[in-house]
Structure formats: C-alpha cells, structure tokens
C-alpha cells in the first residue's frame, strides 16, 4: 500500500508541474493574465492552429490524470489510513 501512495504522490507532483507548463504555453484569448504577462508576444509567433489544439488536448489530459490521482490518493487514505 505504501508503494501505491508513493506512486500516486509522484504522479501528482509530475502532473502538477506539467499542467503549469502547458497552461503557460496556451495562447491567450484576449484579456486576462495572459495579456498582462506577455500574452501579446505569442500572437506574433504565428503558431499553427493544429499545434495550439494539441497543447489544449495535452493540457486537458494532464488535468484529468491529475484529478484522478488526487481522488485515488484520497480514496487510498480513506480506506487504508497510514498509521
């Protein structure tokens, strides 16, 4: 059981870091924090629509994995608490 907890902790840490990185890669849609912190620069890079859609898809998958890892971790602790 301890190995499962360690594995879930590792997944949570890695997906948290990757989610932050991919959220920062997302192109701003106008207004908000992305424009305040240099979001206008991404518009001048002329990124393709397909690449942007892939970044959005990867971000979504990472967020789903992160949520599932958090729920799994909570369930493991709920039904098998570590002394």
PDB file of N, CA and C in Angstrom:
ATOM      1  N   UNK A   1       0.819  -1.198   0.000  1.00  0.00           N
ATOM      2  CA  UNK A   1       0.000   0.000   0.000  1.00  0.00           C
ATOM      3  C   UNK A   1       0.860   1.258   0.000  1.00  0.00           C
ATOM      4  N   UNK A   2       1.993   1.184   0.672  1.00  0.00           N
ATOM      5  CA  UNK A   2       2.880   2.350   0.728  1.00  0.00           C
ATOM      6  C   UNK A   2       3.445   2.681  -0.657  1.00  0.00           C
ATOM      7  N   UNK A   3       3.679   1.630  -1.440  1.00  0.00           N
ATOM      8  CA  UNK A   3       4.209   1.853  -2.795  1.00  0.00           C
ATOM      9  C   UNK A   3       3.173   2.584  -3.646  1.00  0.00           C
ATOM     10  N   UNK A   4       1.905   2.233  -3.481  1.00  0.00           N
ATOM     11  CA  UNK A   4       0.834   2.904  -4.216  1.00  0.00           C
ATOM     12  C   UNK A   4       0.760   4.381  -3.832  1.00  0.00           C
ATOM     13  N   UNK A   5       0.877   4.678  -2.546  1.00  0.00           N
ATOM     14  CA  UNK A   5       0.846   6.071  -2.099  1.00  0.00           C
ATOM     15  C   UNK A   5       2.020   6.862  -2.673  1.00  0.00           C
ATOM     16  N   UNK A   6       3.201   6.256  -2.671  1.00  0.00           N
ATOM     17  CA  UNK A   6       4.381   6.941  -3.220  1.00  0.00           C
ATOM     18  C   UNK A   6       4.213   7.165  -4.717  1.00  0.00           C
ATOM     19  N   UNK A   7       3.677   6.156  -5.417  1.00  0.00           N
ATOM     20  CA  UNK A   7       3.457   6.293  -6.859  1.00  0.00           C
ATOM     21  C   UNK A   7       2.440   7.399  -7.151  1.00  0.00           C
ATOM     22  N   UNK A   8       1.367   7.436  -6.382  1.00  0.00           N
ATOM     23  CA  UNK A   8       0.363   8.489  -6.589  1.00  0.00           C
ATOM     24  C   UNK A   8       0.928   9.873  -6.274  1.00  0.00           C
ATOM     25  N   UNK A   9       1.754   9.970  -5.246  1.00  0.00           N
ATOM     26  CA  UNK A   9       2.390  11.252  -4.936  1.00  0.00           C
ATOM     27  C   UNK A   9       3.288  11.699  -6.085  1.00  0.00           C
ATOM     28  N   UNK A  10       4.043  10.772  -6.655  1.00  0.00           N
ATOM     29  CA  UNK A  10       4.918  11.112  -7.773  1.00  0.00           C
ATOM     30  C   UNK A  10       4.106  11.566  -8.980  1.00  0.00           C
ATOM     31  N   UNK A  11       3.002  10.869  -9.258  1.00  0.00           N
ATOM     32  CA  UNK A  11       2.138  11.259 -10.378  1.00  0.00           C
ATOM     33  C   UNK A  11       1.563  12.644 -10.148  1.00  0.00           C
ATOM     34  N   UNK A  12       1.146  12.931  -8.928  1.00  0.00           N
ATOM     35  CA  UNK A  12       0.573  14.245  -8.616  1.00  0.00           C
ATOM     36  C   UNK A  12       1.604  15.351  -8.809  1.00  0.00           C
ATOM     37  N   UNK A  13       2.823  15.131  -8.341  1.00  0.00           N
ATOM     38  CA  UNK A  13       3.860  16.158  -8.474  1.00  0.00           C
ATOM     39  C   UNK A  13       4.207  16.389  -9.943  1.00  0.00           C
ATOM     40  N   UNK A  14       4.415  15.309 -10.686  1.00  0.00           N
ATOM     41  CA  UNK A  14       4.808  15.450 -12.093  1.00  0.00           C
ATOM     42  C   UNK A  14       3.690  16.090 -12.910  1.00  0.00           C
ATOM     43  N   UNK A  15       2.447  15.637 -12.719  1.00  0.00           N
ATOM     44  CA  UNK A  15       1.355  16.231 -13.488  1.00  0.00           C
ATOM     45  C   UNK A  15       1.095  17.676 -13.082  1.00  0.00           C
ATOM     46  N   UNK A  16       1.336  18.026 -11.834  1.00  0.00           N
ATOM     47  CA  UNK A  16       1.176  19.422 -11.411  1.00  0.00           C
ATOM     48  C   UNK A  16       2.160  20.319 -12.148  1.00  0.00           C
ATOM     49  N   UNK A  17       3.410  19.880 -12.209  1.00  0.00           N
ATOM     50  CA  UNK A  17       4.434  20.683 -12.898  1.00  0.00           C
ATOM     51  C   UNK A  17       4.125  20.772 -14.385  1.00  0.00           C
ATOM     52  N   UNK A  18       3.752  19.644 -14.999  1.00  0.00           N
ATOM     53  CA  UNK A  18       3.444  19.654 -16.425  1.00  0.00           C
ATOM     54  C   UNK A  18       2.203  20.490 -16.727  1.00  0.00           C
ATOM     55  N   UNK A  19       1.194  20.437 -15.862  1.00  0.00           N
ATOM     56  CA  UNK A  19      -0.003  21.261 -16.068  1.00  0.00           C
ATOM     57  C   UNK A  19       0.338  22.744 -16.045  1.00  0.00           C
ATOM     58  N   UNK A  20       1.168  23.142 -15.114  1.00  0.00           N
ATOM     59  CA  UNK A  20       1.579  24.546 -15.043  1.00  0.00           C
ATOM     60  C   UNK A  20       2.294  24.948 -16.319  1.00  0.00           C
ATOM     61  N   UNK A  21       3.209  24.078 -16.784  1.00  0.00           N
ATOM     62  CA  UNK A  21       3.955  24.399 -18.010  1.00  0.00           C
ATOM     63  C   UNK A  21       3.026  24.512 -19.221  1.00  0.00           C
ATOM     64  N   UNK A  22       2.090  23.572 -19.365  1.00  0.00           N
ATOM     65  CA  UNK A  22       1.214  23.604 -20.540  1.00  0.00           C
ATOM     66  C   UNK A  22       0.177  24.718 -20.456  1.00  0.00           C
ATOM     67  N   UNK A  23      -0.259  25.075 -19.256  1.00  0.00           N
ATOM     68  CA  UNK A  23      -1.174  26.219 -19.133  1.00  0.00           C
ATOM     69  C   UNK A  23      -0.463  27.502 -19.553  1.00  0.00           C
ATOM     70  N   UNK A  24       0.809  27.615 -19.189  1.00  0.00           N
ATOM     71  CA  UNK A  24       1.556  28.795 -19.596  1.00  0.00           C
ATOM     72  C   UNK A  24       1.829  28.811 -21.099  1.00  0.00           C
ATOM     73  N   UNK A  25       1.846  27.646 -21.745  1.00  0.00           N
ATOM     74  CA  UNK A  25       2.036  27.588 -23.197  1.00  0.00           C
ATOM     75  C   UNK A  25       0.777  27.956 -23.973  1.00  0.00           C
ATOM     76  N   UNK A  26      -0.387  27.838 -23.340  1.00  0.00           N
ATOM     77  CA  UNK A  26      -1.628  28.134 -24.044  1.00  0.00           C
ATOM     78  C   UNK A  26      -1.671  29.588 -24.480  1.00  0.00           C
ATOM     79  N   UNK A  27      -2.157  29.794 -25.687  1.00  0.00           N
ATOM     80  CA  UNK A  27      -2.269  31.148 -26.225  1.00  0.00           C
ATOM     81  C   UNK A  27      -3.427  31.866 -25.550  1.00  0.00           C
ATOM     82  N   UNK A  28      -3.198  33.120 -25.184  1.00  0.00           N
ATOM     83  CA  UNK A  28      -4.254  33.902 -24.566  1.00  0.00           C
ATOM     84  C   UNK A  28      -5.353  34.213 -25.559  1.00  0.00           C
ATOM     85  N   UNK A  29      -6.593  34.230 -25.111  1.00  0.00           N
ATOM     86  CA  UNK A  29      -7.730  34.513 -25.981  1.00  0.00           C
ATOM     87  C   UNK A  29      -8.150  35.978 -25.891  1.00  0.00           C
ATOM     88  N   UNK A  30      -7.310  36.798 -25.287  1.00  0.00           N
ATOM     89  CA  UNK A  30      -7.635  38.211 -25.173  1.00  0.00           C
ATOM     90  C   UNK A  30      -8.086  38.552 -23.776  1.00  0.00           C
ATOM     91  N   UNK A  31      -7.400  39.506 -23.183  1.00  0.00           N
ATOM     92  CA  UNK A  31      -7.751  39.910 -21.834  1.00  0.00           C
ATOM     93  C   UNK A  31      -7.213  38.943 -20.809  1.00  0.00           C
ATOM     94  N   UNK A  32      -7.216  39.363 -19.578  1.00  0.00           N
ATOM     95  CA  UNK A  32      -6.818  38.475 -18.508  1.00  0.00           C
ATOM     96  C   UNK A  32      -5.318  38.476 -18.257  1.00  0.00           C
ATOM     97  N   UNK A  33      -4.864  37.516 -17.484  1.00  0.00           N
ATOM     98  CA  UNK A  33      -3.465  37.467 -17.069  1.00  0.00           C
ATOM     99  C   UNK A  33      -2.510  37.162 -18.207  1.00  0.00           C
ATOM    100  N   UNK A  34      -2.959  36.409 -19.217  1.00  0.00           N
ATOM    101  CA  UNK A  34      -2.041  36.059 -20.298  1.00  0.00           C
ATOM    102  C   UNK A  34      -1.592  37.308 -21.061  1.00  0.00           C
ATOM    103  N   UNK A  35      -2.470  38.269 -21.245  1.00  0.00           N
ATOM    104  CA  UNK A  35      -2.087  39.505 -21.921  1.00  0.00           C
ATOM    105  C   UNK A  35      -1.236  40.390 -21.015  1.00  0.00           C
ATOM    106  N   UNK A  36      -1.503  40.345 -19.720  1.00  0.00           N
ATOM    107  CA  UNK A  36      -0.754  41.176 -18.791  1.00  0.00           C
ATOM    108  C   UNK A  36       0.714  40.761 -18.730  1.00  0.00           C
ATOM    109  N   UNK A  37       0.963  39.456 -18.813  1.00  0.00           N
ATOM    110  CA  UNK A  37       2.327  38.953 -18.679  1.00  0.00           C
ATOM    111  C   UNK A  37       2.915  38.503 -20.003  1.00  0.00           C
ATOM    112  N   UNK A  38       2.689  39.236 -21.055  1.00  0.00           N
ATOM    113  CA  UNK A  38       3.340  38.944 -22.324  1.00  0.00           C
ATOM    114  C   UNK A  38       2.545  38.056 -23.241  1.00  0.00           C
ATOM    115  N   UNK A  39       1.249  37.991 -23.083  1.00  0.00           N
ATOM    116  CA  UNK A  39       0.441  37.169 -23.969  1.00  0.00           C
ATOM    117  C   UNK A  39       0.410  37.698 -25.391  1.00  0.00           C
ATOM    118  N   UNK A  40       0.652  38.985 -25.555  1.00  0.00           N
ATOM    119  CA  UNK A  40       0.684  39.558 -26.896  1.00  0.00           C
ATOM    120  C   UNK A  40       1.844  39.051 -27.719  1.00  0.00           C
ATOM    121  N   UNK A  41       2.908  38.609 -27.057  1.00  0.00           N
ATOM    122  CA  UNK A  41       4.066  38.086 -27.769  1.00  0.00           C
ATOM    123  C   UNK A  41       3.731  36.775 -28.462  1.00  0.00           C
ATOM    124  N   UNK A  42       2.856  35.967 -27.889  1.00  0.00           N
ATOM    125  CA  UNK A  42       2.528  34.685 -28.501  1.00  0.00           C
ATOM    126  C   UNK A  42       1.744  34.871 -29.788  1.00  0.00           C
ATOM    127  N   UNK A  43       1.011  35.965 -29.907  1.00  0.00           N
ATOM    128  CA  UNK A  43       0.261  36.207 -31.130  1.00  0.00           C
ATOM    129  C   UNK A  43       1.191  36.533 -32.283  1.00  0.00           C
ATOM    130  N   UNK A  44       2.344  37.104 -32.001  1.00  0.00           N
ATOM    131  CA  UNK A  44       3.266  37.464 -33.069  1.00  0.00           C
ATOM    132  C   UNK A  44       4.103  36.272 -33.520  1.00  0.00           C
ATOM    133  N   UNK A  45       4.048  35.161 -32.782  1.00  0.00           N
ATOM    134  CA  UNK A  45       4.837  33.990 -33.161  1.00  0.00           C
ATOM    135  C   UNK A  45       4.167  33.173 -34.257  1.00  0.00           C
ATOM    136  N   UNK A  46       2.912  33.434 -34.560  1.00  0.00           N
ATOM    137  CA  UNK A  46       2.164  32.740 -35.600  1.00  0.00           C
ATOM    138  C   UNK A  46       2.174  31.225 -35.414  1.00  0.00           C
ATOM    139  N   UNK A  47       1.771  30.773 -34.255  1.00  0.00           N
ATOM    140  CA  UNK A  47       1.685  29.341 -34.025  1.00  0.00           C
ATOM    141  C   UNK A  47       0.506  28.791 -34.817  1.00  0.00           C
ATOM    142  N   UNK A  48       0.653  27.579 -35.313  1.00  0.00           N
ATOM    143  CA  UNK A  48      -0.406  26.994 -36.129  1.00  0.00           C
ATOM    144  C   UNK A  48      -1.573  26.580 -35.253  1.00  0.00           C
ATOM    145  N   UNK A  49      -2.726  26.488 -35.889  1.00  0.00           N
ATOM    146  CA  UNK A  49      -3.922  26.086 -35.160  1.00  0.00           C
ATOM    147  C   UNK A  49      -3.838  24.663 -34.650  1.00  0.00           C
ATOM    148  N   UNK A  50      -3.220  23.775 -35.433  1.00  0.00           N
ATOM    149  CA  UNK A  50      -3.101  22.375 -35.025  1.00  0.00           C
ATOM    150  C   UNK A  50      -2.213  22.239 -33.799  1.00  0.00           C
ATOM    151  N   UNK A  51      -1.124  22.977 -33.769  1.00  0.00           N
ATOM    152  CA  UNK A  51      -0.225  22.917 -32.608  1.00  0.00           C
ATOM    153  C   UNK A  51      -0.932  23.432 -31.363  1.00  0.00           C
ATOM    154  N   UNK A  52      -1.711  24.490 -31.512  1.00  0.00           N
ATOM    155  CA  UNK A  52      -2.429  25.047 -30.371  1.00  0.00           C
ATOM    156  C   UNK A  52      -3.479  24.062 -29.867  1.00  0.00           C
ATOM    157  N   UNK A  53      -4.164  23.371 -30.793  1.00  0.00           N
ATOM    158  CA  UNK A  53      -5.163  22.380 -30.375  1.00  0.00           C
ATOM    159  C   UNK A  53      -4.496  21.229 -29.643  1.00  0.00           C
ATOM    160  N   UNK A  54      -3.303  20.827 -30.090  1.00  0.00           N
ATOM    161  CA  UNK A  54      -2.588  19.752 -29.399  1.00  0.00           C
ATOM    162  C   UNK A  54      -2.188  20.161 -27.991  1.00  0.00           C
ATOM    163  N   UNK A  55      -1.774  21.403 -27.815  1.00  0.00           N
ATOM    164  CA  UNK A  55      -1.421  21.892 -26.479  1.00  0.00           C
ATOM    165  C   UNK A  55      -2.645  21.871 -25.575  1.00  0.00           C
ATOM    166  N   UNK A  56      -3.789  22.262 -26.106  1.00  0.00           N
ATOM    167  CA  UNK A  56      -5.031  22.249 -25.323  1.00  0.00           C
ATOM    168  C   UNK A  56      -5.406  20.817 -24.961  1.00  0.00           C
ATOM    169  N   UNK A  57      -5.274  19.892 -25.918  1.00  0.00           N
ATOM    170  CA  UNK A  57      -5.607  18.487 -25.642  1.00  0.00           C
ATOM    171  C   UNK A  57      -4.684  17.894 -24.588  1.00  0.00           C
ATOM    172  N   UNK A  58      -3.394  18.157 -24.704  1.00  0.00           N
ATOM    173  CA  UNK A  58      -2.434  17.632 -23.734  1.00  0.00           C
ATOM    174  C   UNK A  58      -2.720  18.199 -22.346  1.00  0.00           C
ATOM    175  N   UNK A  59      -3.034  19.491 -22.288  1.00  0.00           N
ATOM    176  CA  UNK A  59      -3.358  20.123 -21.011  1.00  0.00           C
ATOM    177  C   UNK A  59      -4.596  19.480 -20.389  1.00  0.00           C
ATOM    178  N   UNK A  60      -5.604  19.194 -21.208  1.00  0.00           N
ATOM    179  CA  UNK A  60      -6.827  18.565 -20.715  1.00  0.00           C
ATOM    180  C   UNK A  60      -6.548  17.160 -20.181  1.00  0.00           C
ATOM    181  N   UNK A  61      -5.769  16.373 -20.921  1.00  0.00           N
ATOM    182  CA  UNK A  61      -5.441  15.017 -20.485  1.00  0.00           C
ATOM    183  C   UNK A  61      -4.647  15.051 -19.184  1.00  0.00           C
ATOM    184  N   UNK A  62      -3.686  15.959 -19.089  1.00  0.00           N
ATOM    185  CA  UNK A  62      -2.902  16.077 -17.856  1.00  0.00           C
ATOM    186  C   UNK A  62      -3.775  16.471 -16.677  1.00  0.00           C
ATOM    187  N   UNK A  63      -4.716  17.378 -16.905  1.00  0.00           N
ATOM    188  CA  UNK A  63      -5.614  17.791 -15.817  1.00  0.00           C
ATOM    189  C   UNK A  63      -6.494  16.631 -15.361  1.00  0.00           C
ATOM    190  N   UNK A  64      -6.957  15.808 -16.304  1.00  0.00           N
ATOM    191  CA  UNK A  64      -7.779  14.650 -15.941  1.00  0.00           C
ATOM    192  C   UNK A  64      -6.956  13.647 -15.141  1.00  0.00           C
ATOM    193  N   UNK A  65      -5.720  13.385 -15.573  1.00  0.00           N
ATOM    194  CA  UNK A  65      -4.844  12.467 -14.837  1.00  0.00           C
ATOM    195  C   UNK A  65      -4.579  13.004 -13.439  1.00  0.00           C
ATOM    196  N   UNK A  66      -4.364  14.317 -13.323  1.00  0.00           N
ATOM    197  CA  UNK A  66      -4.105  14.942 -12.027  1.00  0.00           C
ATOM    198  C   UNK A  66      -5.296  14.758 -11.085  1.00  0.00           C
ATOM    199  N   UNK A  67      -6.506  15.018 -11.597  1.00  0.00           N
ATOM    200  CA  UNK A  67      -7.712  14.879 -10.769  1.00  0.00           C
ATOM    201  C   UNK A  67      -7.899  13.427 -10.342  1.00  0.00           C
ATOM    202  N   UNK A  68      -7.701  12.478 -11.259  1.00  0.00           N
ATOM    203  CA  UNK A  68      -7.845  11.069 -10.919  1.00  0.00           C
ATOM    204  C   UNK A  68      -6.815  10.635  -9.881  1.00  0.00           C
ATOM    205  N   UNK A  69      -5.602  11.169  -9.983  1.00  0.00           N
ATOM    206  CA  UNK A  69      -4.572  10.835  -8.993  1.00  0.00           C
ATOM    207  C   UNK A  69      -4.932  11.389  -7.618  1.00  0.00           C
ATOM    208  N   UNK A  70      -5.460  12.595  -7.579  1.00  0.00           N
ATOM    209  CA  UNK A  70      -5.875  13.196  -6.301  1.00  0.00           C
ATOM    210  C   UNK A  70      -7.014  12.378  -5.677  1.00  0.00           C
ATOM    211  N   UNK A  71      -8.006  12.017  -6.476  1.00  0.00           N
ATOM    212  CA  UNK A  71      -9.132  11.235  -5.966  1.00  0.00           C
ATOM    213  C   UNK A  71      -8.653   9.858  -5.519  1.00  0.00           C
ATOM    214  N   UNK A  72      -7.791   9.229  -6.302  1.00  0.00           N
ATOM    215  CA  UNK A  72      -7.255   7.929  -5.926  1.00  0.00           C
ATOM    216  C   UNK A  72      -6.466   7.989  -4.631  1.00  0.00           C
ATOM    217  N   UNK A  73      -5.671   9.022  -4.482  1.00  0.00           N
ATOM    218  CA  UNK A  73      -4.886   9.205  -3.256  1.00  0.00           C
ATOM    219  C   UNK A  73      -5.809   9.376  -2.044  1.00  0.00           C
ATOM    220  N   UNK A  74      -6.850  10.168  -2.218  1.00  0.00           N
ATOM    221  CA  UNK A  74      -7.800  10.376  -1.120  1.00  0.00           C
ATOM    222  C   UNK A  74      -8.524   9.085  -0.764  1.00  0.00           C
ATOM    223  N   UNK A  75      -8.901   8.300  -1.776  1.00  0.00           N
ATOM    224  CA  UNK A  75      -9.592   7.040  -1.507  1.00  0.00           C
ATOM    225  C   UNK A  75      -8.680   6.035  -0.808  1.00  0.00           C
ATOM    226  N   UNK A  76      -7.423   5.980  -1.229  1.00  0.00           N
ATOM    227  CA  UNK A  76      -6.490   5.063  -0.573  1.00  0.00           C
ATOM    228  C   UNK A  76      -6.314   5.457   0.896  1.00  0.00           C
ATOM    229  N   UNK A  77      -6.172   6.737   1.152  1.00  0.00           N
ATOM    230  CA  UNK A  77      -6.022   7.183   2.546  1.00  0.00           C
ATOM    231  C   UNK A  77      -7.303   6.987   3.359  1.00  0.00           C
ATOM    232  N   UNK A  78      -8.434   7.114   2.693  1.00  0.00           N
ATOM    233  CA  UNK A  78      -9.716   6.963   3.397  1.00  0.00           C
ATOM    234  C   UNK A  78      -9.930   5.527   3.848  1.00  0.00           C
ATOM    235  N   UNK A  79      -9.645   4.575   2.977  1.00  0.00           N
ATOM    236  CA  UNK A  79      -9.968   3.179   3.296  1.00  0.00           C
ATOM    237  C   UNK A  79      -8.783   2.416   3.888  1.00  0.00           C
ATOM    238  N   UNK A  80      -7.561   2.910   3.747  1.00  0.00           N
ATOM    239  CA  UNK A  80      -6.392   2.272   4.331  1.00  0.00           C
ATOM    240  C   UNK A  80      -5.466   3.352   4.897  1.00  0.00           C
ATOM    241  N   UNK A  81      -5.839   3.975   5.997  1.00  0.00           N
ATOM    242  CA  UNK A  81      -5.010   5.052   6.511  1.00  0.00           C
ATOM    243  C   UNK A  81      -3.639   4.536   6.984  1.00  0.00           C
ATOM    244  N   UNK A  82      -2.642   5.361   6.725  1.00  0.00           N
ATOM    245  CA  UNK A  82      -1.290   5.026   7.180  1.00  0.00           C
ATOM    246  C   UNK A  82      -1.201   5.415   8.636  1.00  0.00           C
ATOM    247  N   UNK A  83      -0.664   4.515   9.449  1.00  0.00           N
ATOM    248  CA  UNK A  83      -0.584   4.734  10.891  1.00  0.00           C
ATOM    249  C   UNK A  83       0.081   6.052  11.158  1.00  0.00           C
TER     250      UNK A  83
END
